[in-house]
Amino acid sequence: MQVTVVILKPSAVQRGIVGEVIARFEKKGIQIVGMKMLCLTDEMLSAHYAHLVHKPFFGRIKDSMQASPVVVMALKGVDVINVVRQLSGVTNGREAQPGTIRGDYSVSVQENIVHASDSPETAATELKRFFSENEIFTYPQFFLPYTYANDEW
């Protein structure tokens, strides 16, 4: 099983759709193993978007991500990184397919509701960035046999 990070951005928090977005992941069968609300600092954002820090639009990203608190989640499941990215849709909400989170709730590249880790390496880095070890929980998922075939997990 993989664990990945999802950030419900200020665009989700401010629009009051956090519960709807979380429900999408839960209805898919993904287990929430960590969740908290926090305000992202300049340092966190510079580390999180290190690949974009020197781009002219980084200030816009930072302003957007600091517009309100965010909700950060650690999600667990089989191939969960890929599954979450498929549920999220492409980055540009105007191009995201209907039925995806961004396709249903976003018409923007920046205000696109969620961030989702893009690889196991990124997920591991982001988990350490946003969660301490005692904030990631292991608990039985009683519906697991009804979510996956027994040889999938």
N, C-alpha and C. Protein backbone atom coordinates (compact mmCIF):
# COMPACT_ATOMS: atom_id res chain seq x y z
N MET A 1 0.85 -1.19 0.00
CA MET A 1 0.00 0.00 0.00
C MET A 1 0.88 1.24 0.00
N GLN A 2 0.44 2.24 -0.70
CA GLN A 2 1.13 3.53 -0.74
C GLN A 2 0.42 4.53 0.16
N VAL A 3 1.16 5.56 0.57
CA VAL A 3 0.59 6.71 1.26
C VAL A 3 0.98 7.94 0.47
N THR A 4 0.04 8.85 0.26
CA THR A 4 0.29 10.06 -0.51
C THR A 4 -0.25 11.27 0.23
N VAL A 5 0.11 12.44 -0.26
CA VAL A 5 -0.35 13.69 0.32
C VAL A 5 -1.31 14.39 -0.63
N VAL A 6 -2.38 14.91 -0.06
CA VAL A 6 -3.30 15.78 -0.77
C VAL A 6 -3.45 17.04 0.06
N ILE A 7 -3.37 18.18 -0.60
CA ILE A 7 -3.64 19.46 0.06
C ILE A 7 -4.93 20.01 -0.53
N LEU A 8 -5.90 20.26 0.34
CA LEU A 8 -7.11 20.96 -0.08
C LEU A 8 -6.78 22.44 0.03
N LYS A 9 -6.65 23.07 -1.11
CA LYS A 9 -6.16 24.44 -1.21
C LYS A 9 -7.18 25.46 -0.68
N PRO A 10 -6.73 26.70 -0.49
CA PRO A 10 -7.67 27.74 -0.07
C PRO A 10 -8.90 27.84 -0.97
N SER A 11 -8.77 27.51 -2.24
CA SER A 11 -9.94 27.55 -3.12
C SER A 11 -11.01 26.55 -2.68
N ALA A 12 -10.64 25.44 -2.08
CA ALA A 12 -11.61 24.49 -1.54
C ALA A 12 -12.13 24.96 -0.19
N VAL A 13 -11.23 25.45 0.65
CA VAL A 13 -11.61 25.92 1.99
C VAL A 13 -12.56 27.10 1.90
N GLN A 14 -12.19 28.11 1.11
CA GLN A 14 -13.00 29.32 1.00
C GLN A 14 -14.36 29.06 0.36
N ARG A 15 -14.44 28.12 -0.54
CA ARG A 15 -15.71 27.82 -1.21
C ARG A 15 -16.58 26.85 -0.41
N GLY A 16 -16.05 26.34 0.69
CA GLY A 16 -16.85 25.46 1.54
C GLY A 16 -17.13 24.10 0.92
N ILE A 17 -16.17 23.57 0.17
CA ILE A 17 -16.37 22.26 -0.47
C ILE A 17 -15.39 21.21 0.04
N VAL A 18 -14.75 21.49 1.17
CA VAL A 18 -13.79 20.54 1.75
C VAL A 18 -14.45 19.17 1.97
N GLY A 19 -15.61 19.17 2.58
CA GLY A 19 -16.30 17.91 2.85
C GLY A 19 -16.63 17.14 1.59
N GLU A 20 -17.06 17.85 0.55
CA GLU A 20 -17.39 17.18 -0.71
C GLU A 20 -16.16 16.53 -1.33
N VAL A 21 -15.03 17.24 -1.27
CA VAL A 21 -13.80 16.70 -1.85
C VAL A 21 -13.31 15.50 -1.05
N ILE A 22 -13.32 15.62 0.26
CA ILE A 22 -12.92 14.49 1.11
C ILE A 22 -13.82 13.28 0.83
N ALA A 23 -15.10 13.52 0.68
CA ALA A 23 -16.05 12.43 0.41
C ALA A 23 -15.70 11.70 -0.88
N ARG A 24 -15.19 12.39 -1.87
CA ARG A 24 -14.80 11.74 -3.13
C ARG A 24 -13.73 10.68 -2.88
N PHE A 25 -12.73 11.04 -2.06
CA PHE A 25 -11.67 10.09 -1.76
C PHE A 25 -12.20 8.92 -0.94
N GLU A 26 -13.02 9.22 0.05
CA GLU A 26 -13.57 8.15 0.90
C GLU A 26 -14.47 7.23 0.11
N LYS A 27 -15.32 7.78 -0.75
CA LYS A 27 -16.23 6.95 -1.54
C LYS A 27 -15.47 6.04 -2.51
N LYS A 28 -14.30 6.47 -2.93
CA LYS A 28 -13.48 5.64 -3.81
C LYS A 28 -12.89 4.45 -3.06
N GLY A 29 -12.80 4.56 -1.73
CA GLY A 29 -12.24 3.48 -0.92
C GLY A 29 -10.86 3.79 -0.38
N ILE A 30 -10.44 5.04 -0.50
CA ILE A 30 -9.13 5.47 -0.01
C ILE A 30 -9.23 5.76 1.48
N GLN A 31 -8.24 5.31 2.23
CA GLN A 31 -8.23 5.47 3.68
C GLN A 31 -7.49 6.76 4.07
N ILE A 32 -8.11 7.57 4.92
CA ILE A 32 -7.45 8.75 5.47
C ILE A 32 -6.66 8.29 6.69
N VAL A 33 -5.33 8.50 6.63
CA VAL A 33 -4.48 8.09 7.75
C VAL A 33 -3.86 9.29 8.47
N GLY A 34 -4.13 10.49 7.98
CA GLY A 34 -3.69 11.71 8.63
C GLY A 34 -4.43 12.89 8.02
N MET A 35 -4.77 13.87 8.87
CA MET A 35 -5.46 15.05 8.35
C MET A 35 -5.34 16.17 9.36
N LYS A 36 -5.06 17.39 8.85
CA LYS A 36 -5.02 18.56 9.71
C LYS A 36 -5.19 19.82 8.88
N MET A 37 -5.58 20.89 9.58
CA MET A 37 -5.68 22.20 8.96
C MET A 37 -4.49 23.01 9.44
N LEU A 38 -3.88 23.75 8.51
CA LEU A 38 -2.75 24.59 8.89
C LEU A 38 -2.60 25.76 7.92
N CYS A 39 -1.84 26.74 8.34
CA CYS A 39 -1.49 27.87 7.49
C CYS A 39 -0.09 27.62 6.96
N LEU A 40 0.08 27.69 5.67
CA LEU A 40 1.37 27.43 5.05
C LEU A 40 2.29 28.65 5.18
N THR A 41 3.49 28.43 5.67
CA THR A 41 4.47 29.50 5.86
C THR A 41 5.24 29.72 4.56
N ASP A 42 5.97 30.85 4.50
CA ASP A 42 6.83 31.10 3.35
C ASP A 42 7.84 29.97 3.18
N GLU A 43 8.39 29.49 4.29
CA GLU A 43 9.38 28.43 4.23
C GLU A 43 8.78 27.13 3.68
N MET A 44 7.60 26.79 4.15
CA MET A 44 6.95 25.57 3.65
C MET A 44 6.68 25.67 2.15
N LEU A 45 6.19 26.83 1.73
CA LEU A 45 5.86 27.00 0.31
C LEU A 45 7.11 27.03 -0.56
N SER A 46 8.17 27.64 -0.07
CA SER A 46 9.42 27.66 -0.84
C SER A 46 9.98 26.24 -1.01
N ALA A 47 9.85 25.42 0.02
CA ALA A 47 10.29 24.02 -0.08
C ALA A 47 9.35 23.22 -0.97
N HIS A 48 8.05 23.41 -0.78
CA HIS A 48 7.05 22.65 -1.51
C HIS A 48 7.10 22.95 -3.01
N TYR A 49 7.29 24.21 -3.34
CA TYR A 49 7.34 24.63 -4.74
C TYR A 49 8.76 25.04 -5.14
N ALA A 50 9.77 24.32 -4.63
CA ALA A 50 11.17 24.65 -4.91
C ALA A 50 11.45 24.73 -6.41
N HIS A 51 10.78 23.89 -7.18
CA HIS A 51 10.98 23.87 -8.64
C HIS A 51 10.37 25.10 -9.33
N LEU A 52 9.57 25.89 -8.59
CA LEU A 52 8.91 27.07 -9.17
C LEU A 52 9.33 28.39 -8.52
N VAL A 53 10.17 28.32 -7.49
CA VAL A 53 10.53 29.53 -6.72
C VAL A 53 11.06 30.65 -7.59
N HIS A 54 11.78 30.33 -8.63
CA HIS A 54 12.39 31.37 -9.47
C HIS A 54 11.54 31.75 -10.67
N LYS A 55 10.36 31.21 -10.76
CA LYS A 55 9.45 31.56 -11.86
C LYS A 55 8.73 32.87 -11.54
N PRO A 56 8.39 33.64 -12.54
CA PRO A 56 7.73 34.93 -12.29
C PRO A 56 6.36 34.81 -11.61
N PHE A 57 5.72 33.67 -11.74
CA PHE A 57 4.39 33.49 -11.16
C PHE A 57 4.40 32.90 -9.75
N PHE A 58 5.60 32.68 -9.17
CA PHE A 58 5.67 32.09 -7.83
C PHE A 58 4.96 32.97 -6.80
N GLY A 59 5.05 34.28 -6.91
CA GLY A 59 4.35 35.17 -5.98
C GLY A 59 2.85 34.94 -5.98
N ARG A 60 2.30 34.70 -7.16
CA ARG A 60 0.86 34.42 -7.29
C ARG A 60 0.51 33.11 -6.60
N ILE A 61 1.35 32.10 -6.77
CA ILE A 61 1.13 30.81 -6.11
C ILE A 61 1.15 30.99 -4.60
N LYS A 62 2.16 31.70 -4.11
CA LYS A 62 2.31 31.91 -2.68
C LYS A 62 1.10 32.67 -2.11
N ASP A 63 0.69 33.73 -2.79
CA ASP A 63 -0.46 34.51 -2.33
C ASP A 63 -1.72 33.63 -2.27
N SER A 64 -1.89 32.81 -3.29
CA SER A 64 -3.06 31.93 -3.34
C SER A 64 -3.04 30.91 -2.21
N MET A 65 -1.88 30.28 -1.99
CA MET A 65 -1.78 29.22 -0.99
C MET A 65 -1.80 29.75 0.44
N GLN A 66 -1.61 31.07 0.61
CA GLN A 66 -1.66 31.67 1.94
C GLN A 66 -2.93 32.48 2.16
N ALA A 67 -3.90 32.37 1.26
CA ALA A 67 -5.14 33.14 1.36
C ALA A 67 -6.00 32.69 2.53
N SER A 68 -5.83 31.47 2.95
CA SER A 68 -6.56 30.92 4.10
C SER A 68 -5.82 29.66 4.53
N PRO A 69 -6.25 29.05 5.63
CA PRO A 69 -5.66 27.74 5.97
C PRO A 69 -5.95 26.74 4.86
N VAL A 70 -5.19 25.68 4.86
CA VAL A 70 -5.40 24.55 3.95
C VAL A 70 -5.68 23.32 4.80
N VAL A 71 -6.18 22.29 4.19
CA VAL A 71 -6.34 20.99 4.85
C VAL A 71 -5.38 20.04 4.17
N VAL A 72 -4.50 19.45 4.96
CA VAL A 72 -3.51 18.51 4.45
C VAL A 72 -3.92 17.11 4.89
N MET A 73 -3.92 16.18 3.95
CA MET A 73 -4.31 14.81 4.24
C MET A 73 -3.23 13.83 3.80
N ALA A 74 -3.09 12.77 4.55
CA ALA A 74 -2.30 11.61 4.16
C ALA A 74 -3.31 10.52 3.82
N LEU A 75 -3.24 10.01 2.60
CA LEU A 75 -4.20 9.03 2.12
C LEU A 75 -3.48 7.74 1.77
N LYS A 76 -4.12 6.61 2.09
CA LYS A 76 -3.48 5.31 1.91
C LYS A 76 -4.35 4.39 1.06
N GLY A 77 -3.69 3.65 0.18
CA GLY A 77 -4.39 2.67 -0.64
C GLY A 77 -3.45 2.03 -1.64
N VAL A 78 -3.96 1.05 -2.34
CA VAL A 78 -3.20 0.40 -3.41
C VAL A 78 -3.06 1.39 -4.56
N ASP A 79 -1.83 1.64 -4.99
CA ASP A 79 -1.55 2.57 -6.11
C ASP A 79 -2.23 3.93 -5.88
N VAL A 80 -2.28 4.36 -4.62
CA VAL A 80 -3.06 5.54 -4.25
C VAL A 80 -2.55 6.82 -4.92
N ILE A 81 -1.26 6.91 -5.20
CA ILE A 81 -0.74 8.12 -5.84
C ILE A 81 -1.40 8.30 -7.21
N ASN A 82 -1.42 7.26 -8.00
CA ASN A 82 -2.06 7.32 -9.31
C ASN A 82 -3.56 7.50 -9.19
N VAL A 83 -4.18 6.79 -8.28
CA VAL A 83 -5.64 6.87 -8.12
C VAL A 83 -6.04 8.30 -7.75
N VAL A 84 -5.33 8.91 -6.80
CA VAL A 84 -5.66 10.28 -6.38
C VAL A 84 -5.45 11.26 -7.53
N ARG A 85 -4.40 11.09 -8.29
CA ARG A 85 -4.16 12.00 -9.41
C ARG A 85 -5.25 11.86 -10.48
N GLN A 86 -5.71 10.64 -10.70
CA GLN A 86 -6.81 10.44 -11.65
C GLN A 86 -8.10 11.08 -11.15
N LEU A 87 -8.38 10.91 -9.85
CA LEU A 87 -9.56 11.54 -9.27
C LEU A 87 -9.48 13.07 -9.32
N SER A 88 -8.26 13.59 -9.17
CA SER A 88 -8.07 15.05 -9.15
C SER A 88 -8.26 15.67 -10.52
N GLY A 89 -7.82 15.01 -11.57
CA GLY A 89 -7.90 15.57 -12.92
C GLY A 89 -6.67 16.40 -13.23
N VAL A 90 -6.57 16.85 -14.47
CA VAL A 90 -5.42 17.64 -14.90
C VAL A 90 -5.40 18.98 -14.18
N THR A 91 -4.21 19.58 -14.11
CA THR A 91 -3.99 20.80 -13.34
C THR A 91 -4.93 21.93 -13.72
N ASN A 92 -5.11 22.16 -14.98
CA ASN A 92 -5.98 23.25 -15.44
C ASN A 92 -7.43 22.81 -15.35
N GLY A 93 -8.16 23.42 -14.43
CA GLY A 93 -9.56 23.06 -14.22
C GLY A 93 -10.42 23.20 -15.46
N ARG A 94 -10.06 24.13 -16.36
CA ARG A 94 -10.83 24.30 -17.60
C ARG A 94 -10.67 23.12 -18.54
N GLU A 95 -9.57 22.38 -18.38
CA GLU A 95 -9.30 21.24 -19.24
C GLU A 95 -9.57 19.89 -18.57
N ALA A 96 -9.85 19.93 -17.28
CA ALA A 96 -10.08 18.68 -16.53
C ALA A 96 -11.42 18.07 -16.93
N GLN A 97 -11.42 16.76 -17.00
CA GLN A 97 -12.63 16.04 -17.40
C GLN A 97 -13.73 16.15 -16.35
N PRO A 98 -14.98 16.32 -16.78
CA PRO A 98 -16.09 16.25 -15.82
C PRO A 98 -16.02 14.93 -15.08
N GLY A 99 -16.37 14.95 -13.81
CA GLY A 99 -16.29 13.76 -12.98
C GLY A 99 -15.04 13.74 -12.13
N THR A 100 -14.01 14.53 -12.52
CA THR A 100 -12.83 14.68 -11.67
C THR A 100 -13.09 15.84 -10.72
N ILE A 101 -12.29 15.92 -9.68
CA ILE A 101 -12.45 17.01 -8.71
C ILE A 101 -12.26 18.36 -9.40
N ARG A 102 -11.18 18.51 -10.14
CA ARG A 102 -10.93 19.78 -10.82
C ARG A 102 -11.93 20.02 -11.94
N GLY A 103 -12.33 18.96 -12.62
CA GLY A 103 -13.31 19.10 -13.69
C GLY A 103 -14.67 19.53 -13.19
N ASP A 104 -15.01 19.16 -11.97
CA ASP A 104 -16.31 19.51 -11.41
C ASP A 104 -16.30 20.79 -10.60
N TYR A 105 -15.12 21.19 -10.05
CA TYR A 105 -15.10 22.31 -9.11
C TYR A 105 -14.17 23.45 -9.50
N SER A 106 -13.46 23.37 -10.63
CA SER A 106 -12.46 24.39 -10.93
C SER A 106 -12.53 24.84 -12.38
N VAL A 107 -12.25 26.13 -12.58
CA VAL A 107 -12.09 26.69 -13.93
C VAL A 107 -10.77 27.46 -14.01
N SER A 108 -9.79 27.06 -13.20
CA SER A 108 -8.53 27.79 -13.07
C SER A 108 -7.35 26.84 -13.06
N VAL A 109 -6.18 27.38 -13.43
CA VAL A 109 -4.93 26.65 -13.29
C VAL A 109 -4.47 26.73 -11.84
N GLN A 110 -4.56 27.90 -11.25
CA GLN A 110 -4.08 28.11 -9.88
C GLN A 110 -5.12 27.71 -8.84
N GLU A 111 -6.33 28.18 -8.98
CA GLU A 111 -7.38 27.91 -7.99
C GLU A 111 -8.05 26.60 -8.36
N ASN A 112 -7.27 25.52 -8.26
CA ASN A 112 -7.72 24.23 -8.79
C ASN A 112 -8.01 23.19 -7.69
N ILE A 113 -8.35 23.67 -6.52
CA ILE A 113 -8.93 22.88 -5.43
C ILE A 113 -7.95 21.98 -4.68
N VAL A 114 -7.14 21.18 -5.37
CA VAL A 114 -6.28 20.21 -4.69
C VAL A 114 -4.86 20.20 -5.24
N HIS A 115 -3.95 19.83 -4.38
CA HIS A 115 -2.60 19.42 -4.78
C HIS A 115 -2.50 17.94 -4.45
N ALA A 116 -1.88 17.17 -5.33
CA ALA A 116 -1.68 15.74 -5.09
C ALA A 116 -0.24 15.38 -5.44
N SER A 117 0.41 14.64 -4.57
CA SER A 117 1.78 14.18 -4.84
C SER A 117 1.82 13.45 -6.17
N ASP A 118 2.93 13.62 -6.91
CA ASP A 118 3.01 13.06 -8.25
C ASP A 118 3.86 11.80 -8.39
N SER A 119 4.52 11.38 -7.30
CA SER A 119 5.36 10.18 -7.37
C SER A 119 5.60 9.67 -5.96
N PRO A 120 6.06 8.44 -5.83
CA PRO A 120 6.37 7.92 -4.49
C PRO A 120 7.44 8.76 -3.78
N GLU A 121 8.42 9.24 -4.54
CA GLU A 121 9.48 10.06 -3.93
C GLU A 121 8.92 11.39 -3.43
N THR A 122 8.10 12.04 -4.24
CA THR A 122 7.47 13.30 -3.83
C THR A 122 6.56 13.07 -2.64
N ALA A 123 5.78 12.00 -2.66
CA ALA A 123 4.88 11.70 -1.54
C ALA A 123 5.67 11.54 -0.25
N ALA A 124 6.79 10.82 -0.29
CA ALA A 124 7.60 10.61 0.90
C ALA A 124 8.13 11.95 1.44
N THR A 125 8.60 12.80 0.55
CA THR A 125 9.11 14.12 0.95
C THR A 125 7.99 14.98 1.54
N GLU A 126 6.84 14.97 0.89
CA GLU A 126 5.72 15.79 1.35
C GLU A 126 5.14 15.27 2.67
N LEU A 127 5.12 13.96 2.85
CA LEU A 127 4.65 13.41 4.13
C LEU A 127 5.52 13.93 5.27
N LYS A 128 6.84 13.93 5.07
CA LYS A 128 7.75 14.43 6.10
C LYS A 128 7.60 15.93 6.30
N ARG A 129 7.29 16.65 5.23
CA ARG A 129 7.13 18.10 5.31
C ARG A 129 5.90 18.49 6.14
N PHE A 130 4.82 17.77 5.97
CA PHE A 130 3.55 18.18 6.57
C PHE A 130 3.11 17.39 7.79
N PHE A 131 3.70 16.23 8.02
CA PHE A 131 3.27 15.38 9.13
C PHE A 131 4.45 14.88 9.94
N SER A 132 4.28 14.81 11.25
CA SER A 132 5.25 14.11 12.08
C SER A 132 4.82 12.64 12.13
N GLU A 133 5.70 11.79 12.61
CA GLU A 133 5.38 10.35 12.64
C GLU A 133 4.13 10.04 13.45
N ASN A 134 3.91 10.78 14.54
CA ASN A 134 2.74 10.50 15.38
C ASN A 134 1.44 11.08 14.82
N GLU A 135 1.49 11.70 13.65
CA GLU A 135 0.29 12.23 13.00
C GLU A 135 -0.20 11.35 11.85
N ILE A 136 0.52 10.27 11.57
CA ILE A 136 0.10 9.29 10.57
C ILE A 136 -0.34 8.05 11.34
N PHE A 137 -1.55 7.61 11.10
CA PHE A 137 -2.15 6.55 11.90
C PHE A 137 -2.27 5.25 11.12
N THR A 138 -2.11 4.16 11.85
CA THR A 138 -2.37 2.83 11.32
C THR A 138 -3.55 2.28 12.09
N TYR A 139 -4.59 1.93 11.36
CA TYR A 139 -5.78 1.38 12.00
C TYR A 139 -6.47 0.46 11.00
N PRO A 140 -7.19 -0.53 11.50
CA PRO A 140 -7.84 -1.48 10.59
C PRO A 140 -8.90 -0.79 9.73
N GLN A 141 -8.90 -1.15 8.49
CA GLN A 141 -9.90 -0.66 7.56
C GLN A 141 -10.85 -1.84 7.30
N PHE A 142 -11.95 -1.87 8.01
CA PHE A 142 -12.82 -3.04 8.02
C PHE A 142 -13.44 -3.37 6.68
N PHE A 143 -13.57 -2.37 5.80
CA PHE A 143 -14.17 -2.66 4.50
C PHE A 143 -13.12 -3.04 3.45
N LEU A 144 -11.86 -3.19 3.85
CA LEU A 144 -10.78 -3.53 2.93
C LEU A 144 -11.11 -4.75 2.05
N PRO A 145 -11.65 -5.84 2.62
CA PRO A 145 -11.96 -6.99 1.77
C PRO A 145 -13.07 -6.72 0.75
N TYR A 146 -13.78 -5.63 0.92
CA TYR A 146 -14.86 -5.29 -0.01
C TYR A 146 -14.44 -4.16 -0.95
N THR A 147 -13.20 -3.70 -0.77
CA THR A 147 -12.65 -2.65 -1.61
C THR A 147 -11.66 -3.22 -2.61
N TYR A 148 -10.86 -4.18 -2.17
CA TYR A 148 -9.84 -4.82 -3.01
C TYR A 148 -10.02 -6.33 -2.96
N ALA A 149 -9.57 -6.99 -4.02
CA ALA A 149 -9.46 -8.44 -3.98
C ALA A 149 -8.36 -8.80 -2.98
N ASN A 150 -8.45 -9.95 -2.31
CA ASN A 150 -7.49 -10.27 -1.24
C ASN A 150 -6.05 -10.38 -1.71
N ASP A 151 -5.80 -10.55 -3.00
CA ASP A 151 -4.42 -10.60 -3.48
C ASP A 151 -3.92 -9.23 -3.96
N GLU A 152 -4.74 -8.19 -3.83
CA GLU A 152 -4.31 -6.84 -4.24
C GLU A 152 -3.67 -6.07 -3.09
N TRP A 153 -3.95 -6.44 -1.86
CA TRP A 153 -3.40 -5.71 -0.73
C TRP A 153 -2.58 -6.63 0.12
